[in-house]
Each structure stands twice: as structure tokens, then as C-alpha cells.
């Protein structure tokens, strides 16, 4: 029935598109016809994928919604592959087909400079530095980390990613001027206020979802209009709740998996800034916002698939399809950045930054070796030693019979005498 329904929808869509092209006279503009043909092809593919793609782990608000984003992931990955195989100039000028205002170099905004919170030299507005930093990215930071917390569902991992990204901004501000910020912009406005408040609200939402009673009732079985409206709103909440317990220190496999998740998260965050830098897209452009909306939808599914695979590898024998696509998209974006501007990426880090990263990597590797190798060997040695001591204590207790003679030795002597008699 599902396949027949799909063929019917595809047939109707194809007929509608053909009917539209027959009614109007085909324009002679090659670029316009090319764009229209590509859009129509994508619509047909999305229609097929929404009805035929494999269902993911989420079923609310509807499985077709998540199948749609899976198909969008495929389209986006194909688009990235196409951009990757173009020359730098052609790739940047190709963006003009999406928006004619693109394809021109843009100046980067520097958020550093004067870092005085209170500037006595400006009598009219001594707090002008703070007001200059309060742009549209402040609510974007808050809502972004609120949604990321709903995806990761772990307070510690969210805080580690948030703090690590600020260290990356410190380390890479010699490559992108956009990363140059004041110290209070990094740690007070970003980490504590925007990111921290978003993580806090996200954890409160997760707490509410974990305590909510998941008892679904058909919409038409609810007698009151208030109940029907409440049921419609709850359709956009999860069908059931799964609490994420990453437990990174429980095994070497989970520790490496959590480190890999953090690495991909940070790389995807960096790709946001580097892509708009190499493709000449202003930060407020709608394509940048659409990319973030895209990652919010596909990232939640990918995180659930990764957790299911880690939590029960016997049932989930392979990683989910959305998780593989997100990893492929992140890697392809990074390859585009490397190809389009290798000079910026190869700018050497300052010496003190290199020392800090080397020290951090050594500390992480040392802790990993201690926690999963040296500590286990030490605990195993202590356990064997304890067992030997207990065995020796029991043996001494068993040998002692109160008169200085050993019952076991007497038994052995008796056995030897019996052997001589035989």
C-alpha cells in the first residue's frame, strides 16, 4: 500500500510539473531554466524519499518529517560534493545562482579592539562596547545551545564543548578576525550568559520531559476542545523518553566515542565560520541560518542513533544512516574549506598557543592511559595480591589444630605408611 501510494504521489507531482511547463512558454534564459529544472528534480526526489526512506528513531511529530530531513541531508551532501569539484572562482561565483548578492568578497567584523567595559573617554555612552557586542548573535547563541542541550542531553558534555570552542576562538583568531573578541565577551557573555543560560534552560526542559507521563490518546477520542488542543501541542513532544547516560569513563570504547562526538561537534561549529569566510557569505545571510536549522534537525537524530549504537550494540548492529550522513557532511565541508583557502588554514599557530595545545593533548593522553590501562593493571594486581593473602590466611588457619601439629601433615604421613604396606 505504501509503495502504491508513493507511485500515485509521484505520478501526480510529475503530471503537475509537466502541466505547468506545457501551459507556459519555455523561457530562453538558460540559467533560469537550469535552476527551475534542478528545483523540480529535487522536489521529486524529496517526495520519493519522504514516503520510501527508512524510518529513523523518532516518530513525533511524524516519521515523514524526519524522512524529509534525511533526504535533505542527501541533497545537501550532493551540493557540497559539486562545490568541492569546482575551482575556487567558479565555486564562489556559483553562489550567485542562489543569491545574486553573493560572490563578492566581504569584510570580516572584528569583535576585539577596545575591551573596556566602562569607557570613561566616551562621556555620552561609556558602555558603548557592551552595546556594540549585543547583536543578533546573542539570542542565536542562547537558542543554539538550548537546542544542542536537547540533542546531547548531558550537562558536562555541553559545558566541555562550550568552553572548548572558546579556546578554539582564542587559538584561531589569527586566521579569522571574526574570532577576535574581548575576554569578557568570551567568558561572560558567551560561556556564562548565552551558552550557560541556554544549557540551563535545556536541562530544565529535559527534566520536564523525563518526568512527563507518556500516555497517548487518539485526537478524536478526546471530548473537550481544550484537550484536543493540548493533544495537538504534545504531538511535537517525544513519543517516549530515553535518558542519555554517556558514561565516558566506563570503558575505553565509550571514552573514544565521546571524544569523537566532541570533535565532530567542534569541527561543525568551526565549519560555520570558515565556510562563510571562503564562500563569501555574510553572517546574517539566510543560507547560514538555513544551515543551522538543518543541523538542528539532523543532529538530534544522529545523536540518538549514536547513543543507541553505543548503548546496545547487539540490537543496533550498525550505526544509523543519519549519523553517517552528518559525519560525511561535516568532513566534506572541511574539505571545501581546505581547498578554497589553504593559505588561511596553514597560518602557523602562535608559539604559546601551540604549547598550550600540546600540554592539553599530553594531559588527555596521560589520563586515558592511566584510567584504562595503568589503573586497570594496578587494580588487577591488588586484587590478585588480596586473593593470595586471603588464601594464605585460610591455609594457615586450616593447618593450625591447636597443639602445634598439622592435621594435613598427619594425613599425608598416614597415606605414605599405607603405601609402604601395600
Protein backbone atom coordinates (compact mmCIF):
# COMPACT_ATOMS: atom_id res chain seq x y z
CA UNK A 1 0.00 0.00 0.00
CA UNK A 2 2.82 2.37 0.85
CA UNK A 3 4.60 1.76 -2.46
CA UNK A 4 1.38 2.26 -4.42
CA UNK A 5 0.73 5.47 -2.51
CA UNK A 6 4.24 6.66 -3.36
CA UNK A 7 3.82 5.93 -7.05
CA UNK A 8 0.50 7.77 -7.02
CA UNK A 9 2.03 10.85 -5.41
CA UNK A 10 4.98 10.81 -7.79
CA UNK A 11 2.67 10.41 -10.76
CA UNK A 12 0.51 13.34 -9.66
CA UNK A 13 3.55 15.53 -8.97
CA UNK A 14 5.14 14.67 -12.33
CA UNK A 15 1.90 15.39 -14.15
CA UNK A 16 1.54 18.71 -12.32
CA UNK A 17 5.07 19.76 -13.20
CA UNK A 18 4.60 18.71 -16.81
CA UNK A 19 1.28 20.53 -16.98
CA UNK A 20 2.90 23.73 -15.71
CA UNK A 21 5.69 23.52 -18.29
CA UNK A 22 3.19 22.93 -21.10
CA UNK A 23 0.95 25.84 -20.13
CA UNK A 24 3.68 28.43 -20.20
CA UNK A 25 6.11 29.13 -22.96
CA UNK A 26 9.60 27.94 -22.08
CA UNK A 27 11.82 30.97 -21.45
CA UNK A 28 15.01 31.35 -23.44
CA UNK A 29 17.03 32.10 -20.29
CA UNK A 30 19.34 29.11 -19.85
CA UNK A 31 20.26 29.96 -16.26
CA UNK A 32 16.59 30.28 -15.25
CA UNK A 33 15.64 27.00 -16.92
CA UNK A 34 18.58 25.24 -15.28
CA UNK A 35 17.61 26.44 -11.81
CA UNK A 36 13.97 25.53 -12.38
CA UNK A 37 14.90 22.05 -13.59
CA UNK A 38 17.17 21.44 -10.60
CA UNK A 39 14.46 22.56 -8.15
CA UNK A 40 11.89 20.31 -9.81
CA UNK A 41 14.26 17.33 -9.69
CA UNK A 42 14.94 17.93 -6.00
CA UNK A 43 11.19 18.11 -5.28
CA UNK A 44 10.59 14.78 -6.99
CA UNK A 45 13.47 13.19 -5.05
CA UNK A 46 12.18 14.58 -1.74
CA UNK A 47 8.69 13.33 -2.48
CA UNK A 48 10.04 9.85 -3.16
CA UNK A 49 12.32 9.86 -0.11
CA UNK A 50 9.69 11.11 2.33
CA UNK A 51 7.49 8.12 1.55
CA UNK A 52 10.10 5.43 0.86
CA UNK A 53 13.13 6.20 3.03
CA UNK A 54 13.85 4.14 6.12
CA UNK A 55 12.30 5.40 9.36
CA UNK A 56 14.62 6.81 12.00
CA UNK A 57 14.43 6.60 15.80
CA UNK A 58 11.93 9.49 16.11
CA UNK A 59 8.22 9.25 15.40
CA UNK A 60 6.99 12.69 16.50
CA UNK A 61 5.57 14.85 15.08
CA UNK A 62 5.52 12.31 12.22
CA UNK A 63 8.09 9.88 10.77
CA UNK A 64 7.71 11.59 7.38
CA UNK A 65 9.14 14.77 8.91
CA UNK A 66 12.39 13.04 9.82
CA UNK A 67 12.50 11.19 6.48
CA UNK A 68 12.29 14.61 4.82
CA UNK A 69 15.39 15.84 6.66
CA UNK A 70 17.19 12.63 5.78
CA UNK A 71 16.55 13.33 2.10
CA UNK A 72 17.60 16.95 2.58
CA UNK A 73 20.87 15.61 4.01
CA UNK A 74 21.46 13.66 0.80
CA UNK A 75 20.71 16.74 -1.35
CA UNK A 76 22.99 18.93 0.76
CA UNK A 77 25.82 16.40 0.61
CA UNK A 78 25.49 16.22 -3.19
CA UNK A 79 25.58 20.01 -3.35
CA UNK A 80 28.76 20.07 -1.24
CA UNK A 81 30.38 17.46 -3.47
CA UNK A 82 29.54 19.60 -6.51
CA UNK A 83 31.08 22.70 -4.89
CA UNK A 84 34.14 20.68 -3.89
CA UNK A 85 34.91 19.76 -7.50
CA UNK A 86 34.75 23.34 -8.79
CA UNK A 87 37.57 25.81 -9.00
CA UNK A 88 37.69 28.40 -6.24
CA UNK A 89 36.49 31.21 -8.50
CA UNK A 90 33.74 29.13 -10.12
CA UNK A 91 32.52 27.85 -6.76
CA UNK A 92 32.21 31.34 -5.34
CA UNK A 93 30.52 32.67 -8.46
CA UNK A 94 28.15 29.69 -8.50
CA UNK A 95 26.64 31.05 -5.30
CA UNK A 96 25.25 33.89 -7.42
CA UNK A 97 22.78 31.42 -8.91
CA UNK A 98 21.33 31.02 -5.42
CA UNK A 99 21.53 34.71 -4.48
CA UNK A 100 22.77 37.41 -6.90
CA UNK A 101 24.18 39.38 -3.96
CA UNK A 102 26.71 36.63 -3.22
CA UNK A 103 30.01 36.05 -4.97
CA UNK A 104 31.71 39.24 -3.77
CA UNK A 105 34.37 39.45 -1.01
CA UNK A 106 33.09 40.73 2.30
CA UNK A 107 34.96 42.41 5.14
CA UNK A 108 35.17 40.47 8.39
CA UNK A 109 33.97 42.16 11.55
CA UNK A 110 36.44 42.30 14.41
CA UNK A 111 34.80 41.99 17.83
CA UNK A 112 38.02 42.74 19.68
CA UNK A 113 39.78 46.08 19.81
CA UNK A 114 38.71 48.27 22.72
CA UNK A 115 37.79 45.86 25.52
CA UNK A 116 36.93 48.38 28.24
CA UNK A 117 33.62 47.55 29.87
CA UNK A 118 33.32 51.13 31.07
CA UNK A 119 34.94 53.65 28.71
CA UNK A 120 35.42 56.99 30.53
CA UNK A 121 36.63 58.61 27.32
CA UNK A 122 33.12 58.37 25.84
CA UNK A 123 31.01 60.65 28.03
CA UNK A 124 27.79 60.20 26.02
CA UNK A 125 27.78 56.39 26.24
CA UNK A 126 30.56 54.89 28.40
CA UNK A 127 29.09 51.37 27.97
CA UNK A 128 29.18 51.52 24.17
CA UNK A 129 31.48 48.48 23.96
CA UNK A 130 28.82 46.30 25.57
CA UNK A 131 26.03 47.62 23.34
CA UNK A 132 28.17 47.01 20.24
CA UNK A 133 28.51 43.33 21.15
CA UNK A 134 24.76 42.89 21.72
CA UNK A 135 23.80 42.00 18.15
CA UNK A 136 21.65 39.26 16.66
CA UNK A 137 24.18 36.60 17.58
CA UNK A 138 23.37 36.89 21.29
CA UNK A 139 19.89 35.27 21.03
CA UNK A 140 21.33 32.94 18.37
CA UNK A 141 23.91 31.71 20.91
CA UNK A 142 21.21 31.15 23.52
CA UNK A 143 18.75 29.28 21.29
CA UNK A 144 21.57 27.37 19.65
CA UNK A 145 22.84 25.98 22.93
CA UNK A 146 19.32 25.35 24.16
CA UNK A 147 18.73 23.09 21.15
CA UNK A 148 22.18 21.50 21.41
CA UNK A 149 21.42 20.57 25.01
CA UNK A 150 18.23 18.85 23.86
CA UNK A 151 20.34 16.86 21.41
CA UNK A 152 23.25 15.92 23.71
CA UNK A 153 21.23 15.59 26.95
CA UNK A 154 24.29 15.85 29.15
CA UNK A 155 25.32 18.93 31.15
CA UNK A 156 29.02 18.11 31.36
CA UNK A 157 29.44 17.38 27.67
CA UNK A 158 27.66 20.61 26.72
CA UNK A 159 29.87 22.68 29.00
CA UNK A 160 33.03 21.00 27.70
CA UNK A 161 32.05 21.76 24.08
CA UNK A 162 31.13 25.34 25.00
CA UNK A 163 34.44 26.02 26.77
CA UNK A 164 36.49 24.18 24.16
CA UNK A 165 35.05 26.31 21.37
CA UNK A 166 36.10 29.48 23.17
CA UNK A 167 39.63 28.08 23.38
CA UNK A 168 39.45 27.39 19.64
CA UNK A 169 38.44 31.00 19.04
CA UNK A 170 41.45 32.14 21.05
CA UNK A 171 43.69 29.80 19.06
CA UNK A 172 42.39 30.69 15.59
CA UNK A 173 41.81 34.42 15.85
CA UNK A 174 44.99 34.97 13.80
CA UNK A 175 43.21 33.19 10.91
CA UNK A 176 39.70 34.65 11.16
CA UNK A 177 39.28 38.19 12.53
CA UNK A 178 35.73 37.19 13.46
CA UNK A 179 37.17 35.08 16.29
CA UNK A 180 38.89 38.09 17.88
CA UNK A 181 36.78 39.01 20.93
CA UNK A 182 37.27 40.63 24.31
CA UNK A 183 37.88 38.41 27.30
CA UNK A 184 34.54 39.32 28.86
CA UNK A 185 32.83 38.63 25.52
CA UNK A 186 34.34 35.12 25.53
CA UNK A 187 33.72 34.09 29.11
CA UNK A 188 30.94 36.31 30.50
CA UNK A 189 28.65 36.93 27.53
CA UNK A 190 29.25 33.68 25.65
CA UNK A 191 30.09 30.93 28.16
CA UNK A 192 28.18 32.16 31.24
CA UNK A 193 25.24 34.18 29.92
CA UNK A 194 24.34 32.93 26.42
CA UNK A 195 25.68 29.38 26.41
CA UNK A 196 25.26 28.75 30.13
CA UNK A 197 21.70 30.06 30.23
CA UNK A 198 20.81 28.05 27.12
CA UNK A 199 22.26 24.88 28.65
CA UNK A 200 20.42 25.52 31.92
CA UNK A 201 17.06 26.01 30.17
CA UNK A 202 17.74 22.96 28.03
CA UNK A 203 18.44 20.80 31.08
CA UNK A 204 15.23 22.05 32.73
CA UNK A 205 13.30 21.09 29.61
CA UNK A 206 14.95 17.66 29.63
CA UNK A 207 13.99 17.24 33.28
CA UNK A 208 10.37 18.07 32.44
CA UNK A 209 10.34 15.64 29.51
CA UNK A 210 11.79 12.86 31.67
CA UNK A 211 9.07 13.35 34.33
CA UNK A 212 6.21 13.75 31.85
CA UNK A 213 3.66 10.92 31.62
CA UNK A 214 3.68 9.48 28.11
CA UNK A 215 0.17 8.18 27.67
CA UNK A 216 -1.13 8.88 24.19
CA UNK A 217 -4.81 9.06 23.30
CA UNK A 218 -6.42 9.44 19.89
CA UNK A 219 -7.37 13.01 18.98
CA UNK A 220 -10.97 12.14 18.18
CA UNK A 221 -11.36 10.23 21.46
CA UNK A 222 -10.75 13.40 23.49
CA UNK A 223 -14.11 15.03 24.31
CA UNK A 224 -13.10 18.66 25.05
CA UNK A 225 -11.61 21.24 22.69
CA UNK A 226 -9.01 22.15 25.31
CA UNK A 227 -7.93 18.53 25.47
CA UNK A 228 -7.75 18.34 21.68
CA UNK A 229 -5.54 21.45 21.51
CA UNK A 230 -3.31 20.08 24.26
CA UNK A 231 -3.02 16.80 22.36
CA UNK A 232 -2.03 18.66 19.19
CA UNK A 233 0.69 20.57 21.05
CA UNK A 234 2.01 17.38 22.67
CA UNK A 235 2.29 15.83 19.21
CA UNK A 236 5.50 17.86 18.90
CA UNK A 237 6.99 16.23 22.02
CA UNK A 238 8.72 12.83 22.01
CA UNK A 239 6.61 9.67 21.83
CA UNK A 240 8.65 8.23 24.71
CA UNK A 241 11.68 9.37 26.65
CA UNK A 242 15.20 7.95 26.62
CA UNK A 243 17.68 9.36 29.10
CA UNK A 244 21.21 9.64 27.74
CA UNK A 245 23.85 8.25 30.11
CA UNK A 246 27.08 8.59 28.17
CA UNK A 247 29.37 7.28 30.98
CA UNK A 248 32.60 8.16 29.14
CA UNK A 249 34.87 6.73 31.85
CA UNK A 250 33.16 3.34 31.94
CA UNK A 251 35.19 1.85 29.08
CA UNK A 252 37.80 2.80 26.51
CA UNK A 253 35.26 2.35 23.70
CA UNK A 254 32.79 4.82 25.19
CA UNK A 255 35.58 7.28 26.03
CA UNK A 256 36.82 7.29 22.43
CA UNK A 257 33.24 7.60 21.15
CA UNK A 258 32.53 10.61 23.38
CA UNK A 259 35.81 12.24 22.30
CA UNK A 260 34.81 11.64 18.68
CA UNK A 261 31.39 13.25 19.24
CA UNK A 262 33.01 16.31 20.82
CA UNK A 263 35.49 16.55 17.94
CA UNK A 264 32.75 16.40 15.27
CA UNK A 265 30.68 18.98 17.15
CA UNK A 266 33.60 21.40 17.32
CA UNK A 267 34.50 20.80 13.67
CA UNK A 268 30.91 21.50 12.59
CA UNK A 269 30.97 24.72 14.64
CA UNK A 270 34.22 25.82 13.01
CA UNK A 271 32.85 24.96 9.56
CA UNK A 272 30.08 27.51 10.11
CA UNK A 273 32.62 30.34 10.31
CA UNK A 274 35.12 29.05 7.77
CA UNK A 275 32.51 28.23 5.12
CA UNK A 276 31.04 31.72 5.12
CA UNK A 277 34.59 33.05 5.01
CA UNK A 278 35.73 31.05 1.97
CA UNK A 279 32.40 31.25 0.10
CA UNK A 280 31.96 34.98 0.80
CA UNK A 281 28.65 34.75 2.67
CA UNK A 282 27.75 37.45 5.21
CA UNK A 283 26.99 36.12 8.71
CA UNK A 284 23.38 37.33 8.58
CA UNK A 285 22.62 35.65 5.23
CA UNK A 286 19.64 33.31 5.17
CA UNK A 287 21.80 30.40 3.89
CA UNK A 288 23.81 30.50 7.12
CA UNK A 289 20.60 30.37 9.12
CA UNK A 290 19.20 27.53 6.98
CA UNK A 291 22.35 25.52 7.56
CA UNK A 292 21.96 25.90 11.33
CA UNK A 293 18.28 24.87 11.13
CA UNK A 294 19.34 21.88 9.06
CA UNK A 295 21.94 20.76 11.62
CA UNK A 296 19.47 21.17 14.48
CA UNK A 297 17.07 18.71 12.84
CA UNK A 298 19.57 16.15 11.58
CA UNK A 299 21.85 16.46 14.62
CA UNK A 300 19.17 15.30 17.04
CA UNK A 301 18.53 12.14 15.03
CA UNK A 302 22.25 11.50 14.62
CA UNK A 303 22.90 11.81 18.37
CA UNK A 304 20.07 9.38 19.15
CA UNK A 305 21.42 6.87 16.62
CA UNK A 306 24.93 7.17 18.06
CA UNK A 307 23.67 6.67 21.61
CA UNK A 308 21.55 3.65 20.64
CA UNK A 309 24.53 2.10 18.87
CA UNK A 310 26.79 2.67 21.90
CA UNK A 311 24.22 1.63 24.49
CA UNK A 312 23.09 -1.61 22.85
CA UNK A 313 25.50 -2.71 20.08
CA UNK A 314 23.89 -6.18 19.93
CA UNK A 315 20.49 -4.78 18.90
CA UNK A 316 21.82 -1.84 16.86
CA UNK A 317 24.47 -3.73 14.89
CA UNK A 318 25.43 -0.75 12.74
CA UNK A 319 25.43 3.00 13.06
CA UNK A 320 22.32 4.81 11.82
CA UNK A 321 22.10 6.34 8.36
CA UNK A 322 21.63 9.92 9.59
CA UNK A 323 24.74 9.71 11.77
CA UNK A 324 26.83 8.62 8.78
CA UNK A 325 25.41 11.43 6.65
CA UNK A 326 26.17 14.07 9.31
CA UNK A 327 29.74 12.80 9.58
CA UNK A 328 30.11 12.85 5.78
CA UNK A 329 28.67 16.37 5.53
CA UNK A 330 30.99 17.69 8.23
CA UNK A 331 34.02 16.13 6.53
CA UNK A 332 33.00 17.45 3.09
CA UNK A 333 32.55 20.98 4.46
CA UNK A 334 36.02 20.82 5.94
CA UNK A 335 37.46 19.63 2.61
CA UNK A 336 35.84 22.61 0.88
CA UNK A 337 37.46 24.96 3.37
CA UNK A 338 40.85 23.30 2.85
CA UNK A 339 40.60 23.52 -0.94
CA UNK A 340 39.20 27.04 -1.19
CA UNK A 341 41.59 28.75 1.22
CA UNK A 342 44.58 26.60 2.18
CA UNK A 343 46.65 29.70 2.93
CA UNK A 344 44.43 30.73 5.85
CA UNK A 345 44.38 27.24 7.33
CA UNK A 346 48.15 26.88 7.10
CA UNK A 347 48.88 30.06 9.03
CA UNK A 348 51.03 28.82 11.88
CA UNK A 349 49.73 28.99 15.41
CA UNK A 350 51.49 31.32 17.84
CA UNK A 351 54.12 29.53 19.89
CA UNK A 352 52.31 29.88 23.23
CA UNK A 353 49.08 28.54 21.64
CA UNK A 354 50.98 25.52 20.32
CA UNK A 355 52.45 24.89 23.76
CA UNK A 356 49.01 25.02 25.38
CA UNK A 357 47.51 22.53 22.90
CA UNK A 358 50.47 20.17 23.22
CA UNK A 359 50.15 20.29 27.01
CA UNK A 360 46.39 19.66 26.79
CA UNK A 361 46.83 16.70 24.43
CA UNK A 362 49.52 15.21 26.67
CA UNK A 363 47.24 15.53 29.72
CA UNK A 364 44.34 13.85 27.91
CA UNK A 365 46.54 11.01 26.65
CA UNK A 366 48.09 10.59 30.10
CA UNK A 367 44.69 10.40 31.76
CA UNK A 368 43.49 7.93 29.13
CA UNK A 369 46.50 5.68 29.66
CA UNK A 370 46.12 5.86 33.45
CA UNK A 371 42.36 5.30 33.51
CA UNK A 372 42.06 2.44 31.04
CA UNK A 373 45.46 0.75 31.22
CA UNK A 374 47.63 1.58 34.25
CA UNK A 375 44.71 1.79 36.68
CA UNK A 376 43.23 -1.50 35.49
CA UNK A 377 46.59 -3.25 35.77
CA UNK A 378 47.11 -1.82 39.26
CA UNK A 379 43.64 -2.84 40.40
CA UNK A 380 44.09 -6.31 38.94
CA UNK A 381 47.46 -6.68 40.73
CA UNK A 382 45.93 -5.54 44.03
CA UNK A 383 43.05 -7.97 43.61
CA UNK A 384 45.38 -10.89 42.92
CA UNK A 385 47.52 -9.94 45.91
CA UNK A 386 44.46 -9.72 48.13
CA UNK A 387 43.26 -13.13 46.97
CA UNK A 388 46.68 -14.65 47.67
CA UNK A 389 46.73 -13.17 51.16
CA UNK A 390 43.24 -14.50 51.89
CA UNK A 391 44.21 -17.92 50.57
CA UNK A 392 47.35 -17.95 52.71
CA UNK A 393 45.35 -16.89 55.77
CA UNK A 394 42.80 -19.65 55.22
CA UNK A 395 45.56 -22.20 54.66
CA UNK A 396 47.34 -21.22 57.88
CA UNK A 397 44.07 -21.37 59.77
CA UNK A 398 43.31 -24.77 58.34
CA UNK A 399 46.79 -26.12 59.19
CA UNK A 400 46.65 -25.00 62.79
CA UNK A 401 44.96 -27.56 65.16
CA UNK A 402 45.94 -26.03 68.50
CA UNK A 403 48.86 -28.41 69.56
CA UNK A 404 51.46 -27.38 67.09
CA UNK A 405 50.81 -30.33 64.75
CA UNK A 406 49.15 -30.16 61.39
CA UNK A 407 46.19 -32.36 60.61
CA UNK A 408 47.03 -32.21 56.96
CA UNK A 409 50.61 -33.35 57.59
CA UNK A 410 49.31 -36.26 59.71
CA UNK A 411 47.02 -37.26 56.90
CA UNK A 412 49.87 -37.15 54.39
CA UNK A 413 52.07 -39.28 56.72
CA UNK A 414 49.27 -41.85 57.06
CA UNK A 415 48.91 -42.06 53.33
CA UNK A 416 52.64 -42.73 52.93
CA UNK A 417 52.54 -45.54 55.55
CA UNK A 418 49.65 -47.19 53.78
CA UNK A 419 51.55 -47.06 50.51
CA UNK A 420 54.57 -48.80 52.14
CA UNK A 421 52.39 -51.59 53.49
CA UNK A 422 50.93 -52.21 50.08
